[in-house]
PDB file of N, CA and C in Angstrom:
ATOM      1  N   UNK A   1     127.245  10.644 244.048  1.00  0.00           N
ATOM      2  CA  UNK A   1     125.923  10.774 243.480  1.00  0.00           C
ATOM      3  C   UNK A   1     125.496  12.232 243.567  1.00  0.00           C
ATOM      4  N   UNK A   2     124.789  12.657 242.584  1.00  0.00           N
ATOM      5  CA  UNK A   2     124.301  14.023 242.548  1.00  0.00           C
ATOM      6  C   UNK A   2     122.990  14.147 243.311  1.00  0.00           C
ATOM      7  N   UNK A   3     122.568  15.366 243.503  1.00  0.00           N
ATOM      8  CA  UNK A   3     121.282  15.616 244.157  1.00  0.00           C
ATOM      9  C   UNK A   3     120.146  15.214 243.239  1.00  0.00           C
ATOM     10  N   UNK A   4     119.008  14.863 243.815  1.00  0.00           N
ATOM     11  CA  UNK A   4     117.864  14.489 242.975  1.00  0.00           C
ATOM     12  C   UNK A   4     117.376  15.693 242.168  1.00  0.00           C
ATOM     13  N   UNK A   5     116.967  15.468 240.938  1.00  0.00           N
ATOM     14  CA  UNK A   5     116.430  16.568 240.138  1.00  0.00           C
ATOM     15  C   UNK A   5     115.184  17.144 240.803  1.00  0.00           C
ATOM     16  N   UNK A   6     115.074  18.463 240.792  1.00  0.00           N
ATOM     17  CA  UNK A   6     113.875  19.073 241.366  1.00  0.00           C
ATOM     18  C   UNK A   6     112.683  18.780 240.464  1.00  0.00           C
ATOM     19  N   UNK A   7     111.536  18.704 241.072  1.00  0.00           N
ATOM     20  CA  UNK A   7     110.314  18.429 240.321  1.00  0.00           C
ATOM     21  C   UNK A   7     110.055  19.526 239.299  1.00  0.00           C
ATOM     22  N   UNK A   8     110.293  20.762 239.701  1.00  0.00           N
ATOM     23  CA  UNK A   8     109.993  21.908 238.836  1.00  0.00           C
ATOM     24  C   UNK A   8     110.835  21.952 237.568  1.00  0.00           C
ATOM     25  N   UNK A   9     112.052  21.423 237.642  1.00  0.00           N
ATOM     26  CA  UNK A   9     112.946  21.561 236.490  1.00  0.00           C
ATOM     27  C   UNK A   9     113.373  20.232 235.872  1.00  0.00           C
ATOM     28  N   UNK A  10     112.577  19.188 236.075  1.00  0.00           N
ATOM     29  CA  UNK A  10     112.958  17.893 235.508  1.00  0.00           C
ATOM     30  C   UNK A  10     111.753  17.207 234.878  1.00  0.00           C
ATOM     31  N   UNK A  11     112.070  16.225 234.072  1.00  0.00           N
ATOM     32  CA  UNK A  11     111.017  15.425 233.445  1.00  0.00           C
ATOM     33  C   UNK A  11     110.773  14.173 234.275  1.00  0.00           C
ATOM     34  N   UNK A  12     109.675  13.536 234.018  1.00  0.00           N
ATOM     35  CA  UNK A  12     109.363  12.281 234.680  1.00  0.00           C
ATOM     36  C   UNK A  12     110.478  11.266 234.427  1.00  0.00           C
ATOM     37  N   UNK A  13     110.953  11.227 233.199  1.00  0.00           N
ATOM     38  CA  UNK A  13     112.011  10.278 232.819  1.00  0.00           C
ATOM     39  C   UNK A  13     113.294  10.532 233.585  1.00  0.00           C
ATOM     40  N   UNK A  14     113.633  11.807 233.785  1.00  0.00           N
ATOM     41  CA  UNK A  14     114.847  12.145 234.533  1.00  0.00           C
ATOM     42  C   UNK A  14     114.712  11.724 235.993  1.00  0.00           C
ATOM     43  N   UNK A  15     113.536  11.931 236.561  1.00  0.00           N
ATOM     44  CA  UNK A  15     113.315  11.521 237.955  1.00  0.00           C
ATOM     45  C   UNK A  15     113.346  10.003 238.091  1.00  0.00           C
ATOM     46  N   UNK A  16     112.743   9.305 237.150  1.00  0.00           N
ATOM     47  CA  UNK A  16     112.761   7.842 237.165  1.00  0.00           C
ATOM     48  C   UNK A  16     114.193   7.326 237.048  1.00  0.00           C
ATOM     49  N   UNK A  17     114.963   7.909 236.156  1.00  0.00           N
ATOM     50  CA  UNK A  17     116.369   7.508 235.983  1.00  0.00           C
ATOM     51  C   UNK A  17     117.152   7.750 237.269  1.00  0.00           C
ATOM     52  N   UNK A  18     116.883   8.856 237.934  1.00  0.00           N
ATOM     53  CA  UNK A  18     117.574   9.148 239.199  1.00  0.00           C
ATOM     54  C   UNK A  18     117.247   8.089 240.250  1.00  0.00           C
ATOM     55  N   UNK A  19     115.985   7.749 240.389  1.00  0.00           N
ATOM     56  CA  UNK A  19     115.572   6.742 241.374  1.00  0.00           C
ATOM     57  C   UNK A  19     116.241   5.405 241.080  1.00  0.00           C
ATOM     58  N   UNK A  20     116.261   5.004 239.821  1.00  0.00           N
ATOM     59  CA  UNK A  20     116.919   3.741 239.464  1.00  0.00           C
ATOM     60  C   UNK A  20     118.402   3.777 239.792  1.00  0.00           C
ATOM     61  N   UNK A  21     119.058   4.879 239.497  1.00  0.00           N
ATOM     62  CA  UNK A  21     120.490   4.990 239.766  1.00  0.00           C
ATOM     63  C   UNK A  21     120.764   5.035 241.268  1.00  0.00           C
ATOM     64  N   UNK A  22     119.951   5.771 241.998  1.00  0.00           N
ATOM     65  CA  UNK A  22     120.157   5.915 243.438  1.00  0.00           C
ATOM     66  C   UNK A  22     119.990   4.589 244.179  1.00  0.00           C
ATOM     67  N   UNK A  23     119.105   3.729 243.685  1.00  0.00           N
ATOM     68  CA  UNK A  23     118.805   2.478 244.384  1.00  0.00           C
ATOM     69  C   UNK A  23     119.346   1.243 243.672  1.00  0.00           C
ATOM     70  N   UNK A  24     120.254   1.462 242.730  1.00  0.00           N
ATOM     71  CA  UNK A  24     120.859   0.350 241.993  1.00  0.00           C
ATOM     72  C   UNK A  24     121.610  -0.569 242.957  1.00  0.00           C
ATOM     73  N   UNK A  25     121.426  -1.860 242.753  1.00  0.00           N
ATOM     74  CA  UNK A  25     122.094  -2.851 243.595  1.00  0.00           C
ATOM     75  C   UNK A  25     123.606  -2.767 243.412  1.00  0.00           C
ATOM     76  N   UNK A  26     124.327  -2.729 244.525  1.00  0.00           N
ATOM     77  CA  UNK A  26     125.785  -2.665 244.485  1.00  0.00           C
ATOM     78  C   UNK A  26     126.420  -4.048 244.659  1.00  0.00           C
ATOM     79  N   UNK A  27     125.592  -5.064 244.862  1.00  0.00           N
ATOM     80  CA  UNK A  27     126.058  -6.446 245.036  1.00  0.00           C
ATOM     81  C   UNK A  27     127.044  -6.586 246.191  1.00  0.00           C
ATOM     82  N   UNK A  28     126.796  -5.814 247.240  1.00  0.00           N
ATOM     83  CA  UNK A  28     127.604  -5.904 248.450  1.00  0.00           C
ATOM     84  C   UNK A  28     126.696  -5.582 249.638  1.00  0.00           C
ATOM     85  N   UNK A  29     125.818  -6.509 249.946  1.00  0.00           N
ATOM     86  CA  UNK A  29     124.765  -6.278 250.948  1.00  0.00           C
ATOM     87  C   UNK A  29     125.311  -5.904 252.325  1.00  0.00           C
ATOM     88  N   UNK A  30     126.439  -6.439 252.695  1.00  0.00           N
ATOM     89  CA  UNK A  30     126.985  -6.140 254.019  1.00  0.00           C
ATOM     90  C   UNK A  30     127.349  -4.667 254.170  1.00  0.00           C
ATOM     91  N   UNK A  31     127.828  -4.049 253.113  1.00  0.00           N
ATOM     92  CA  UNK A  31     128.241  -2.653 253.193  1.00  0.00           C
ATOM     93  C   UNK A  31     127.194  -1.673 252.706  1.00  0.00           C
ATOM     94  N   UNK A  32     126.337  -2.081 251.825  1.00  0.00           N
ATOM     95  CA  UNK A  32     125.398  -1.178 251.157  1.00  0.00           C
ATOM     96  C   UNK A  32     124.213  -0.793 252.030  1.00  0.00           C
ATOM     97  N   UNK A  33     123.393  -1.747 252.389  1.00  0.00           N
ATOM     98  CA  UNK A  33     122.232  -1.489 253.217  1.00  0.00           C
ATOM     99  C   UNK A  33     120.971  -1.077 252.475  1.00  0.00           C
ATOM    100  N   UNK A  34     121.047  -0.928 251.165  1.00  0.00           N
ATOM    101  CA  UNK A  34     119.872  -0.514 250.397  1.00  0.00           C
ATOM    102  C   UNK A  34     118.736  -1.521 250.522  1.00  0.00           C
ATOM    103  N   UNK A  35     119.044  -2.777 250.467  1.00  0.00           N
ATOM    104  CA  UNK A  35     118.011  -3.818 250.583  1.00  0.00           C
ATOM    105  C   UNK A  35     117.322  -3.750 251.945  1.00  0.00           C
ATOM    106  N   UNK A  36     118.096  -3.433 252.963  1.00  0.00           N
ATOM    107  CA  UNK A  36     117.537  -3.312 254.313  1.00  0.00           C
ATOM    108  C   UNK A  36     116.521  -2.170 254.374  1.00  0.00           C
ATOM    109  N   UNK A  37     116.809  -1.092 253.689  1.00  0.00           N
ATOM    110  CA  UNK A  37     115.897   0.061 253.665  1.00  0.00           C
ATOM    111  C   UNK A  37     114.666  -0.251 252.826  1.00  0.00           C
ATOM    112  N   UNK A  38     114.867  -0.868 251.672  1.00  0.00           N
ATOM    113  CA  UNK A  38     113.744  -1.171 250.779  1.00  0.00           C
ATOM    114  C   UNK A  38     112.845  -2.275 251.318  1.00  0.00           C
ATOM    115  N   UNK A  39     113.411  -3.190 252.093  1.00  0.00           N
ATOM    116  CA  UNK A  39     112.665  -4.307 252.688  1.00  0.00           C
ATOM    117  C   UNK A  39     111.818  -5.053 251.653  1.00  0.00           C
ATOM    118  N   UNK A  40     112.416  -5.336 250.514  1.00  0.00           N
ATOM    119  CA  UNK A  40     111.740  -6.098 249.469  1.00  0.00           C
ATOM    120  C   UNK A  40     110.779  -5.300 248.614  1.00  0.00           C
ATOM    121  N   UNK A  41     110.667  -4.010 248.891  1.00  0.00           N
ATOM    122  CA  UNK A  41     109.764  -3.162 248.118  1.00  0.00           C
ATOM    123  C   UNK A  41     110.492  -2.569 246.928  1.00  0.00           C
ATOM    124  N   UNK A  42     109.749  -2.223 245.927  1.00  0.00           N
ATOM    125  CA  UNK A  42     110.310  -1.627 244.718  1.00  0.00           C
ATOM    126  C   UNK A  42     110.602  -0.145 244.934  1.00  0.00           C
ATOM    127  N   UNK A  43     111.773   0.295 244.513  1.00  0.00           N
ATOM    128  CA  UNK A  43     112.102   1.716 244.610  1.00  0.00           C
ATOM    129  C   UNK A  43     111.151   2.567 243.766  1.00  0.00           C
ATOM    130  N   UNK A  44     110.696   2.012 242.654  1.00  0.00           N
ATOM    131  CA  UNK A  44     109.732   2.736 241.813  1.00  0.00           C
ATOM    132  C   UNK A  44     108.412   2.942 242.543  1.00  0.00           C
ATOM    133  N   UNK A  45     107.995   1.949 243.293  1.00  0.00           N
ATOM    134  CA  UNK A  45     106.752   2.065 244.055  1.00  0.00           C
ATOM    135  C   UNK A  45     106.906   3.058 245.208  1.00  0.00           C
ATOM    136  N   UNK A  46     108.004   2.953 245.933  1.00  0.00           N
ATOM    137  CA  UNK A  46     108.238   3.849 247.060  1.00  0.00           C
ATOM    138  C   UNK A  46     108.344   5.312 246.631  1.00  0.00           C
ATOM    139  N   UNK A  47     108.948   5.546 245.483  1.00  0.00           N
ATOM    140  CA  UNK A  47     109.175   6.907 245.004  1.00  0.00           C
ATOM    141  C   UNK A  47     108.227   7.296 243.867  1.00  0.00           C
ATOM    142  N   UNK A  48     107.095   6.624 243.778  1.00  0.00           N
ATOM    143  CA  UNK A  48     106.130   6.898 242.705  1.00  0.00           C
ATOM    144  C   UNK A  48     105.663   8.355 242.711  1.00  0.00           C
ATOM    145  N   UNK A  49     105.403   8.908 243.891  1.00  0.00           N
ATOM    146  CA  UNK A  49     104.958  10.303 243.963  1.00  0.00           C
ATOM    147  C   UNK A  49     106.034  11.265 243.469  1.00  0.00           C
ATOM    148  N   UNK A  50     107.287  10.968 243.752  1.00  0.00           N
ATOM    149  CA  UNK A  50     108.387  11.799 243.237  1.00  0.00           C
ATOM    150  C   UNK A  50     108.485  11.666 241.722  1.00  0.00           C
ATOM    151  N   UNK A  51     108.460  10.447 241.252  1.00  0.00           N
ATOM    152  CA  UNK A  51     108.564  10.200 239.809  1.00  0.00           C
ATOM    153  C   UNK A  51     107.456  10.931 239.068  1.00  0.00           C
ATOM    154  N   UNK A  52     106.258  10.935 239.637  1.00  0.00           N
ATOM    155  CA  UNK A  52     105.106  11.587 238.993  1.00  0.00           C
ATOM    156  C   UNK A  52     105.049  13.092 239.264  1.00  0.00           C
ATOM    157  N   UNK A  53     105.988  13.602 240.047  1.00  0.00           N
ATOM    158  CA  UNK A  53     106.051  15.040 240.295  1.00  0.00           C
ATOM    159  C   UNK A  53     105.113  15.547 241.370  1.00  0.00           C
ATOM    160  N   UNK A  54     104.709  14.689 242.288  1.00  0.00           N
ATOM    161  CA  UNK A  54     103.758  15.068 243.335  1.00  0.00           C
ATOM    162  C   UNK A  54     104.420  15.438 244.657  1.00  0.00           C
ATOM    163  N   UNK A  55     105.553  14.818 244.964  1.00  0.00           N
ATOM    164  CA  UNK A  55     106.277  15.057 246.219  1.00  0.00           C
ATOM    165  C   UNK A  55     107.767  15.053 245.952  1.00  0.00           C
ATOM    166  N   UNK A  56     108.504  15.775 246.769  1.00  0.00           N
ATOM    167  CA  UNK A  56     109.954  15.833 246.612  1.00  0.00           C
ATOM    168  C   UNK A  56     110.612  14.538 247.103  1.00  0.00           C
ATOM    169  N   UNK A  57     111.718  14.197 246.489  1.00  0.00           N
ATOM    170  CA  UNK A  57     112.491  13.007 246.822  1.00  0.00           C
ATOM    171  C   UNK A  57     112.859  13.002 248.308  1.00  0.00           C
ATOM    172  N   UNK A  58     113.333  14.116 248.804  1.00  0.00           N
ATOM    173  CA  UNK A  58     113.768  14.227 250.195  1.00  0.00           C
ATOM    174  C   UNK A  58     112.627  13.908 251.159  1.00  0.00           C
ATOM    175  N   UNK A  59     111.437  14.403 250.885  1.00  0.00           N
ATOM    176  CA  UNK A  59     110.296  14.159 251.760  1.00  0.00           C
ATOM    177  C   UNK A  59     109.969  12.673 251.853  1.00  0.00           C
ATOM    178  N   UNK A  60     110.013  11.996 250.732  1.00  0.00           N
ATOM    179  CA  UNK A  60     109.730  10.557 250.716  1.00  0.00           C
ATOM    180  C   UNK A  60     110.828   9.793 251.444  1.00  0.00           C
ATOM    181  N   UNK A  61     112.077  10.189 251.224  1.00  0.00           N
ATOM    182  CA  UNK A  61     113.195   9.524 251.892  1.00  0.00           C
ATOM    183  C   UNK A  61     113.076   9.664 253.402  1.00  0.00           C
ATOM    184  N   UNK A  62     112.735  10.856 253.878  1.00  0.00           N
ATOM    185  CA  UNK A  62     112.570  11.067 255.320  1.00  0.00           C
ATOM    186  C   UNK A  62     111.436  10.210 255.872  1.00  0.00           C
ATOM    187  N   UNK A  63     110.358  10.105 255.121  1.00  0.00           N
ATOM    188  CA  UNK A  63     109.231   9.269 255.548  1.00  0.00           C
ATOM    189  C   UNK A  63     109.633   7.795 255.642  1.00  0.00           C
ATOM    190  N   UNK A  64     110.386   7.322 254.671  1.00  0.00           N
ATOM    191  CA  UNK A  64     110.864   5.932 254.681  1.00  0.00           C
ATOM    192  C   UNK A  64     111.751   5.700 255.900  1.00  0.00           C
ATOM    193  N   UNK A  65     112.662   6.628 256.170  1.00  0.00           N
ATOM    194  CA  UNK A  65     113.551   6.475 257.320  1.00  0.00           C
ATOM    195  C   UNK A  65     112.803   6.496 258.649  1.00  0.00           C
ATOM    196  N   UNK A  66     111.786   7.320 258.738  1.00  0.00           N
ATOM    197  CA  UNK A  66     111.037   7.436 259.988  1.00  0.00           C
ATOM    198  C   UNK A  66     110.099   6.249 260.229  1.00  0.00           C
ATOM    199  N   UNK A  67     109.707   5.568 259.164  1.00  0.00           N
ATOM    200  CA  UNK A  67     108.793   4.426 259.293  1.00  0.00           C
ATOM    201  C   UNK A  67     109.508   3.096 259.445  1.00  0.00           C
ATOM    202  N   UNK A  68     110.795   3.069 259.368  1.00  0.00           N
ATOM    203  CA  UNK A  68     111.605   1.861 259.480  1.00  0.00           C
ATOM    204  C   UNK A  68     110.740   0.668 259.538  1.00  0.00           C
TER     205      UNK A  68
END
């Protein structure tokens, strides 16, 4: 997977596409762990500030990890 597009040089659509690709279900819950991190929440909702260009992807990811 590539790095998330920077807010300064990407469109909302590109950021949304990145979030969808990054959190796409791999249909292998035992190895993936994405569902465990999302805890039933929508990736679009969690990364809404990134998608809208308000906060960087990395900052939101760190916040999610720290709030387990």
